[in-house]
Amino acid sequence: MTLKLCGFAVSNYYNKVKMQLLEKGVPFEEVLVWASQDEGHRARSPRGKVPYIEVDGRALAESSVIAEYVEEAYAQNPLLPRDPFERAKVRELVVFLELHVELVARRLYREAFFGGKISDEARAEVEKELPRGLSALVQLARFAPYLAGPTLTLADCAAAQHLPLVTMATKRVYGRDFAEPYPQIAQYVKAMNQRPAAQRIAADRKENAQLYAEKTARK
């Protein structure tokens, strides 16, 4: 099978899938695709989002669905435990991270990263909800040394991409890091950043950032 990862290297959800592929040692080709409502793009990703993958000409969208597919299709270096309950605990971590942390913090990204402004109401809502999400995540995570325990899992592929953005966004919008009360988060992110896969992703993100900035400026 020829797997193509379609999207752009600034996207944390694109990089979540990319990290999974790199950590598993799955051969793949990267195809630069911007989010778009173009009809041709939506034929592959119905909401026009990225990432999506193509496998022998067939398309699959949504990062969580892609992650599950990759685990089932490529047996090497599994990133989900064998035990059904432990597998569910990894999925629980991903859901809490993306639904109660990243999705909440994403409301800040316009102001934090793209020169826009968010409303006072949105600012207040995030300030209320994001600490709750981080607290829940820390309650669930083991940090031993990985989120779900002693081995790397899909939860780490997601967390390594999302948590640094949450930290940067809150610093820029509120002048403080909402993750600061949990030093284990900073220690965890620092350790994850040392992995070869994370370092490649960071280098590719930096290279792609200028293209993304130019594209955004043209809008």
C-alpha atoms as a PDB file:
ATOM      1  CA  MET A   1       0.000   0.000   0.000  1.00  0.00           C
ATOM      2  CA  THR A   2       1.137   3.532  -0.763  1.00  0.00           C
ATOM      3  CA  LEU A   3       0.088   5.896   2.044  1.00  0.00           C
ATOM      4  CA  LYS A   4       0.002   9.621   1.373  1.00  0.00           C
ATOM      5  CA  LEU A   5      -0.374  12.062   4.269  1.00  0.00           C
ATOM      6  CA  CYS A   6      -2.113  15.156   2.953  1.00  0.00           C
ATOM      7  CA  GLY A   7      -2.078  18.484   4.754  1.00  0.00           C
ATOM      8  CA  PHE A   8       0.499  20.988   5.960  1.00  0.00           C
ATOM      9  CA  ALA A   9       3.222  20.827   8.588  1.00  0.00           C
ATOM     10  CA  VAL A  10       1.922  23.721  10.712  1.00  0.00           C
ATOM     11  CA  SER A  11      -1.239  21.807  11.630  1.00  0.00           C
ATOM     12  CA  ASN A  12      -1.061  20.061  15.000  1.00  0.00           C
ATOM     13  CA  TYR A  13      -3.572  17.432  13.841  1.00  0.00           C
ATOM     14  CA  TYR A  14      -1.486  16.748  10.737  1.00  0.00           C
ATOM     15  CA  ASN A  15       1.584  16.400  12.949  1.00  0.00           C
ATOM     16  CA  LYS A  16      -0.261  14.100  15.321  1.00  0.00           C
ATOM     17  CA  VAL A  17      -0.717  11.600  12.481  1.00  0.00           C
ATOM     18  CA  LYS A  18       2.792  12.253  11.168  1.00  0.00           C
ATOM     19  CA  MET A  19       4.301  11.437  14.555  1.00  0.00           C
ATOM     20  CA  GLN A  20       2.365   8.180  14.691  1.00  0.00           C
ATOM     21  CA  LEU A  21       3.649   7.179  11.249  1.00  0.00           C
ATOM     22  CA  LEU A  22       7.231   8.093  12.134  1.00  0.00           C
ATOM     23  CA  GLU A  23       7.168   6.307  15.487  1.00  0.00           C
ATOM     24  CA  LYS A  24       5.714   3.178  13.898  1.00  0.00           C
ATOM     25  CA  GLY A  25       8.147   3.252  11.012  1.00  0.00           C
ATOM     26  CA  VAL A  26       5.392   3.296   8.388  1.00  0.00           C
ATOM     27  CA  PRO A  27       6.593   4.463   4.944  1.00  0.00           C
ATOM     28  CA  PHE A  28       4.562   7.437   3.738  1.00  0.00           C
ATOM     29  CA  GLU A  29       4.642  10.326   1.323  1.00  0.00           C
ATOM     30  CA  GLU A  30       3.768  13.868   2.380  1.00  0.00           C
ATOM     31  CA  VAL A  31       1.561  15.900   0.057  1.00  0.00           C
ATOM     32  CA  LEU A  32       1.188  19.637   0.738  1.00  0.00           C
ATOM     33  CA  VAL A  33      -2.539  20.415   0.830  1.00  0.00           C
ATOM     34  CA  TRP A  34      -4.170  23.471   2.415  1.00  0.00           C
ATOM     35  CA  ALA A  35      -7.579  23.367   4.068  1.00  0.00           C
ATOM     36  CA  SER A  36     -10.089  24.330   1.395  1.00  0.00           C
ATOM     37  CA  GLN A  37     -13.757  24.301   0.473  1.00  0.00           C
ATOM     38  CA  ASP A  38     -12.849  23.502  -3.105  1.00  0.00           C
ATOM     39  CA  GLU A  39     -15.086  20.752  -4.463  1.00  0.00           C
ATOM     40  CA  GLY A  40     -12.160  18.524  -5.342  1.00  0.00           C
ATOM     41  CA  HIS A  41     -10.724  18.849  -1.852  1.00  0.00           C
ATOM     42  CA  ARG A  42     -14.069  18.161  -0.183  1.00  0.00           C
ATOM     43  CA  ALA A  43     -14.383  14.988  -2.225  1.00  0.00           C
ATOM     44  CA  ARG A  44     -11.492  13.689  -0.105  1.00  0.00           C
ATOM     45  CA  SER A  45     -12.203  15.521   3.149  1.00  0.00           C
ATOM     46  CA  PRO A  46     -15.922  16.407   3.379  1.00  0.00           C
ATOM     47  CA  ARG A  47     -15.417  19.373   5.752  1.00  0.00           C
ATOM     48  CA  GLY A  48     -12.465  20.638   3.743  1.00  0.00           C
ATOM     49  CA  LYS A  49     -10.092  20.063   6.655  1.00  0.00           C
ATOM     50  CA  VAL A  50      -6.666  18.481   6.927  1.00  0.00           C
ATOM     51  CA  PRO A  51      -5.207  16.040   7.460  1.00  0.00           C
ATOM     52  CA  TYR A  52      -6.518  13.255   5.365  1.00  0.00           C
ATOM     53  CA  ILE A  53      -4.711  10.256   3.968  1.00  0.00           C
ATOM     54  CA  GLU A  54      -4.861   8.523   0.641  1.00  0.00           C
ATOM     55  CA  VAL A  55      -4.228   4.803   0.414  1.00  0.00           C
ATOM     56  CA  ASP A  56      -4.073   3.432  -3.100  1.00  0.00           C
ATOM     57  CA  GLY A  57      -6.305   6.262  -4.298  1.00  0.00           C
ATOM     58  CA  ARG A  58      -8.870   5.984  -1.491  1.00  0.00           C
ATOM     59  CA  ALA A  59      -9.223   8.877   0.975  1.00  0.00           C
ATOM     60  CA  LEU A  60      -9.800   8.839   4.730  1.00  0.00           C
ATOM     61  CA  ALA A  61     -10.356  11.970   6.857  1.00  0.00           C
ATOM     62  CA  GLU A  62     -10.341  12.899  10.575  1.00  0.00           C
ATOM     63  CA  SER A  63      -7.136  12.399  12.532  1.00  0.00           C
ATOM     64  CA  SER A  64      -8.590  10.030  15.143  1.00  0.00           C
ATOM     65  CA  VAL A  65     -10.055   7.789  12.451  1.00  0.00           C
ATOM     66  CA  ILE A  66      -6.767   7.862  10.558  1.00  0.00           C
ATOM     67  CA  ALA A  67      -4.888   6.911  13.730  1.00  0.00           C
ATOM     68  CA  GLU A  68      -7.144   3.899  14.296  1.00  0.00           C
ATOM     69  CA  TYR A  69      -6.751   2.827  10.680  1.00  0.00           C
ATOM     70  CA  VAL A  70      -2.964   3.049  10.832  1.00  0.00           C
ATOM     71  CA  GLU A  71      -2.882   0.933  13.992  1.00  0.00           C
ATOM     72  CA  GLU A  72      -5.023  -1.746  12.352  1.00  0.00           C
ATOM     73  CA  ALA A  73      -3.290  -1.699   8.977  1.00  0.00           C
ATOM     74  CA  TYR A  74       0.332  -1.591  10.183  1.00  0.00           C
ATOM     75  CA  ALA A  75       1.143  -4.008  12.977  1.00  0.00           C
ATOM     76  CA  GLN A  76       4.721  -2.907  13.635  1.00  0.00           C
ATOM     77  CA  ASN A  77       5.548  -0.898  16.750  1.00  0.00           C
ATOM     78  CA  PRO A  78       1.966  -0.795  18.093  1.00  0.00           C
ATOM     79  CA  LEU A  79       0.866   2.407  19.812  1.00  0.00           C
ATOM     80  CA  LEU A  80      -2.184   0.894  21.489  1.00  0.00           C
ATOM     81  CA  PRO A  81      -1.904  -1.653  24.329  1.00  0.00           C
ATOM     82  CA  ARG A  82      -3.135  -5.212  23.840  1.00  0.00           C
ATOM     83  CA  ASP A  83      -5.394  -5.147  26.892  1.00  0.00           C
ATOM     84  CA  PRO A  84      -8.859  -3.819  25.897  1.00  0.00           C
ATOM     85  CA  PHE A  85      -9.239  -1.694  29.017  1.00  0.00           C
ATOM     86  CA  GLU A  86      -5.791  -0.147  28.644  1.00  0.00           C
ATOM     87  CA  ARG A  87      -6.532   0.545  24.977  1.00  0.00           C
ATOM     88  CA  ALA A  88      -9.674   2.348  26.075  1.00  0.00           C
ATOM     89  CA  LYS A  89      -7.673   4.368  28.617  1.00  0.00           C
ATOM     90  CA  VAL A  90      -5.400   5.607  25.825  1.00  0.00           C
ATOM     91  CA  ARG A  91      -8.438   6.647  23.795  1.00  0.00           C
ATOM     92  CA  GLU A  92      -9.854   8.343  26.888  1.00  0.00           C
ATOM     93  CA  LEU A  93      -6.696  10.421  27.206  1.00  0.00           C
ATOM     94  CA  VAL A  94      -6.891  11.477  23.565  1.00  0.00           C
ATOM     95  CA  VAL A  95     -10.551  12.477  23.894  1.00  0.00           C
ATOM     96  CA  PHE A  96      -9.948  14.492  27.070  1.00  0.00           C
ATOM     97  CA  LEU A  97      -6.917  16.164  25.551  1.00  0.00           C
ATOM     98  CA  GLU A  98      -8.606  17.128  22.305  1.00  0.00           C
ATOM     99  CA  LEU A  99     -12.128  17.860  23.533  1.00  0.00           C
ATOM    100  CA  HIS A 100     -11.473  19.509  26.897  1.00  0.00           C
ATOM    101  CA  VAL A 101      -8.029  21.061  26.361  1.00  0.00           C
ATOM    102  CA  GLU A 102      -7.066  21.653  22.714  1.00  0.00           C
ATOM    103  CA  LEU A 103     -10.557  22.474  21.445  1.00  0.00           C
ATOM    104  CA  VAL A 104     -11.026  24.979  24.273  1.00  0.00           C
ATOM    105  CA  ALA A 105      -7.605  26.568  23.761  1.00  0.00           C
ATOM    106  CA  ARG A 106      -8.152  26.737  20.003  1.00  0.00           C
ATOM    107  CA  ARG A 107     -10.472  29.678  20.570  1.00  0.00           C
ATOM    108  CA  LEU A 108      -7.337  31.642  21.497  1.00  0.00           C
ATOM    109  CA  TYR A 109      -5.326  30.797  18.388  1.00  0.00           C
ATOM    110  CA  ARG A 110      -6.677  33.621  16.270  1.00  0.00           C
ATOM    111  CA  GLU A 111      -5.266  36.183  18.681  1.00  0.00           C
ATOM    112  CA  ALA A 112      -2.265  34.180  19.834  1.00  0.00           C
ATOM    113  CA  PHE A 113      -0.890  33.230  16.425  1.00  0.00           C
ATOM    114  CA  PHE A 114      -2.673  35.064  13.608  1.00  0.00           C
ATOM    115  CA  GLY A 115      -2.887  38.709  14.651  1.00  0.00           C
ATOM    116  CA  GLY A 116      -6.622  38.721  15.253  1.00  0.00           C
ATOM    117  CA  LYS A 117      -8.660  39.494  18.354  1.00  0.00           C
ATOM    118  CA  ILE A 118     -11.064  37.405  20.373  1.00  0.00           C
ATOM    119  CA  SER A 119     -14.016  38.742  22.317  1.00  0.00           C
ATOM    120  CA  ASP A 120     -13.911  39.409  26.040  1.00  0.00           C
ATOM    121  CA  GLU A 121     -16.615  36.788  26.408  1.00  0.00           C
ATOM    122  CA  ALA A 122     -14.514  34.143  24.656  1.00  0.00           C
ATOM    123  CA  ARG A 123     -11.487  35.129  26.700  1.00  0.00           C
ATOM    124  CA  ALA A 124     -13.447  34.713  29.946  1.00  0.00           C
ATOM    125  CA  GLU A 125     -14.938  31.380  28.884  1.00  0.00           C
ATOM    126  CA  VAL A 126     -11.552  29.919  27.987  1.00  0.00           C
ATOM    127  CA  GLU A 127     -10.072  31.197  31.238  1.00  0.00           C
ATOM    128  CA  LYS A 128     -12.797  29.310  33.089  1.00  0.00           C
ATOM    129  CA  GLU A 129     -12.889  26.064  31.082  1.00  0.00           C
ATOM    130  CA  LEU A 130      -9.269  25.439  30.128  1.00  0.00           C
ATOM    131  CA  PRO A 131      -7.932  24.995  33.685  1.00  0.00           C
ATOM    132  CA  ARG A 132     -10.693  22.438  34.272  1.00  0.00           C
ATOM    133  CA  GLY A 133      -9.639  20.518  31.195  1.00  0.00           C
ATOM    134  CA  LEU A 134      -5.969  20.577  32.150  1.00  0.00           C
ATOM    135  CA  SER A 135      -6.816  19.409  35.660  1.00  0.00           C
ATOM    136  CA  ALA A 136      -8.828  16.496  34.278  1.00  0.00           C
ATOM    137  CA  LEU A 137      -6.038  15.557  31.895  1.00  0.00           C
ATOM    138  CA  VAL A 138      -3.437  15.552  34.664  1.00  0.00           C
ATOM    139  CA  GLN A 139      -5.753  13.438  36.799  1.00  0.00           C
ATOM    140  CA  LEU A 140      -5.995  10.843  34.017  1.00  0.00           C
ATOM    141  CA  ALA A 141      -2.369  10.889  32.849  1.00  0.00           C
ATOM    142  CA  ARG A 142       0.352   8.787  34.450  1.00  0.00           C
ATOM    143  CA  PHE A 143       3.491  10.565  33.212  1.00  0.00           C
ATOM    144  CA  ALA A 144       5.389   7.313  33.781  1.00  0.00           C
ATOM    145  CA  PRO A 145       7.145   8.553  31.676  1.00  0.00           C
ATOM    146  CA  TYR A 146       4.486   8.629  28.939  1.00  0.00           C
ATOM    147  CA  LEU A 147       0.923   9.785  29.282  1.00  0.00           C
ATOM    148  CA  ALA A 148      -0.572   6.293  29.580  1.00  0.00           C
ATOM    149  CA  GLY A 149       2.347   4.614  31.348  1.00  0.00           C
ATOM    150  CA  PRO A 150       5.733   3.114  30.479  1.00  0.00           C
ATOM    151  CA  THR A 151       5.273   2.867  26.701  1.00  0.00           C
ATOM    152  CA  LEU A 152       4.589   5.406  23.968  1.00  0.00           C
ATOM    153  CA  THR A 153       0.988   5.428  22.718  1.00  0.00           C
ATOM    154  CA  LEU A 154      -1.358   7.367  20.471  1.00  0.00           C
ATOM    155  CA  ALA A 155      -2.022   9.665  23.421  1.00  0.00           C
ATOM    156  CA  ASP A 156       1.589  10.852  23.242  1.00  0.00           C
ATOM    157  CA  CYS A 157       1.413  11.456  19.487  1.00  0.00           C
ATOM    158  CA  ALA A 158      -1.468  13.825  20.189  1.00  0.00           C
ATOM    159  CA  ALA A 159      -0.144  15.421  23.372  1.00  0.00           C
ATOM    160  CA  ALA A 160       3.273  16.184  21.903  1.00  0.00           C
ATOM    161  CA  GLN A 161       1.579  18.379  19.293  1.00  0.00           C
ATOM    162  CA  HIS A 162      -1.286  19.932  21.258  1.00  0.00           C
ATOM    163  CA  LEU A 163       0.198  20.802  24.650  1.00  0.00           C
ATOM    164  CA  PRO A 164       2.930  23.176  23.401  1.00  0.00           C
ATOM    165  CA  LEU A 165       0.289  25.166  21.494  1.00  0.00           C
ATOM    166  CA  VAL A 166      -1.881  25.432  24.590  1.00  0.00           C
ATOM    167  CA  THR A 167       1.077  26.750  26.569  1.00  0.00           C
ATOM    168  CA  MET A 168       2.059  29.303  23.915  1.00  0.00           C
ATOM    169  CA  ALA A 169      -1.506  30.490  23.354  1.00  0.00           C
ATOM    170  CA  THR A 170      -2.238  31.143  27.029  1.00  0.00           C
ATOM    171  CA  LYS A 171       1.084  32.931  27.494  1.00  0.00           C
ATOM    172  CA  ARG A 172       0.401  35.238  24.573  1.00  0.00           C
ATOM    173  CA  VAL A 173      -3.239  35.985  25.373  1.00  0.00           C
ATOM    174  CA  TYR A 174      -3.196  36.042  29.183  1.00  0.00           C
ATOM    175  CA  GLY A 175       0.490  36.578  29.928  1.00  0.00           C
ATOM    176  CA  ARG A 176       0.700  33.314  31.850  1.00  0.00           C
ATOM    177  CA  ASP A 177       0.935  29.603  31.130  1.00  0.00           C
ATOM    178  CA  PHE A 178      -2.222  27.811  32.214  1.00  0.00           C
ATOM    179  CA  ALA A 179      -0.209  24.568  32.453  1.00  0.00           C
ATOM    180  CA  GLU A 180       2.268  26.078  34.934  1.00  0.00           C
ATOM    181  CA  PRO A 181       0.502  24.617  38.021  1.00  0.00           C
ATOM    182  CA  TYR A 182       1.359  21.187  36.616  1.00  0.00           C
ATOM    183  CA  PRO A 183       5.167  20.953  36.280  1.00  0.00           C
ATOM    184  CA  GLN A 184       4.825  17.389  35.051  1.00  0.00           C
ATOM    185  CA  ILE A 185       3.391  18.765  31.801  1.00  0.00           C
ATOM    186  CA  ALA A 186       6.478  20.893  31.092  1.00  0.00           C
ATOM    187  CA  GLN A 187       8.785  17.992  31.989  1.00  0.00           C
ATOM    188  CA  TYR A 188       6.814  15.658  29.747  1.00  0.00           C
ATOM    189  CA  VAL A 189       6.838  18.034  26.768  1.00  0.00           C
ATOM    190  CA  LYS A 190      10.579  18.607  27.162  1.00  0.00           C
ATOM    191  CA  ALA A 191      11.217  14.853  27.106  1.00  0.00           C
ATOM    192  CA  MET A 192       8.945  14.311  24.103  1.00  0.00           C
ATOM    193  CA  ASN A 193      10.739  17.065  22.194  1.00  0.00           C
ATOM    194  CA  GLN A 194      13.942  15.029  22.376  1.00  0.00           C
ATOM    195  CA  ARG A 195      12.524  12.193  20.309  1.00  0.00           C
ATOM    196  CA  PRO A 196      13.824  12.035  16.724  1.00  0.00           C
ATOM    197  CA  ALA A 197      10.274  12.031  15.353  1.00  0.00           C
ATOM    198  CA  ALA A 198       9.427  15.200  17.285  1.00  0.00           C
ATOM    199  CA  GLN A 199      12.612  16.898  16.127  1.00  0.00           C
ATOM    200  CA  ARG A 200      11.850  16.122  12.483  1.00  0.00           C
ATOM    201  CA  ILE A 201       8.314  17.431  12.901  1.00  0.00           C
ATOM    202  CA  ALA A 202       9.615  20.650  14.497  1.00  0.00           C
ATOM    203  CA  ALA A 203      12.068  21.201  11.639  1.00  0.00           C
ATOM    204  CA  ASP A 204       9.404  20.592   9.003  1.00  0.00           C
ATOM    205  CA  ARG A 205       6.968  22.865  10.833  1.00  0.00           C
ATOM    206  CA  LYS A 206       9.505  25.683  10.857  1.00  0.00           C
ATOM    207  CA  GLU A 207      10.148  25.240   7.139  1.00  0.00           C
ATOM    208  CA  ASN A 208       6.430  25.194   6.329  1.00  0.00           C
ATOM    209  CA  ALA A 209       5.566  28.158   8.587  1.00  0.00           C
ATOM    210  CA  GLN A 210       6.714  30.784   6.095  1.00  0.00           C
ATOM    211  CA  LEU A 211       4.581  29.320   3.321  1.00  0.00           C
ATOM    212  CA  TYR A 212       1.605  29.219   5.683  1.00  0.00           C
ATOM    213  CA  ALA A 213       2.175  32.842   6.746  1.00  0.00           C
ATOM    214  CA  GLU A 214       2.324  33.977   3.136  1.00  0.00           C
ATOM    215  CA  LYS A 215      -0.847  32.086   2.293  1.00  0.00           C
ATOM    216  CA  THR A 216      -2.669  33.543   5.312  1.00  0.00           C
ATOM    217  CA  ALA A 217      -1.510  37.077   4.460  1.00  0.00           C
ATOM    218  CA  ARG A 218      -3.007  36.792   0.969  1.00  0.00           C
ATOM    219  CA  LYS A 219      -6.491  36.156   2.347  1.00  0.00           C
END
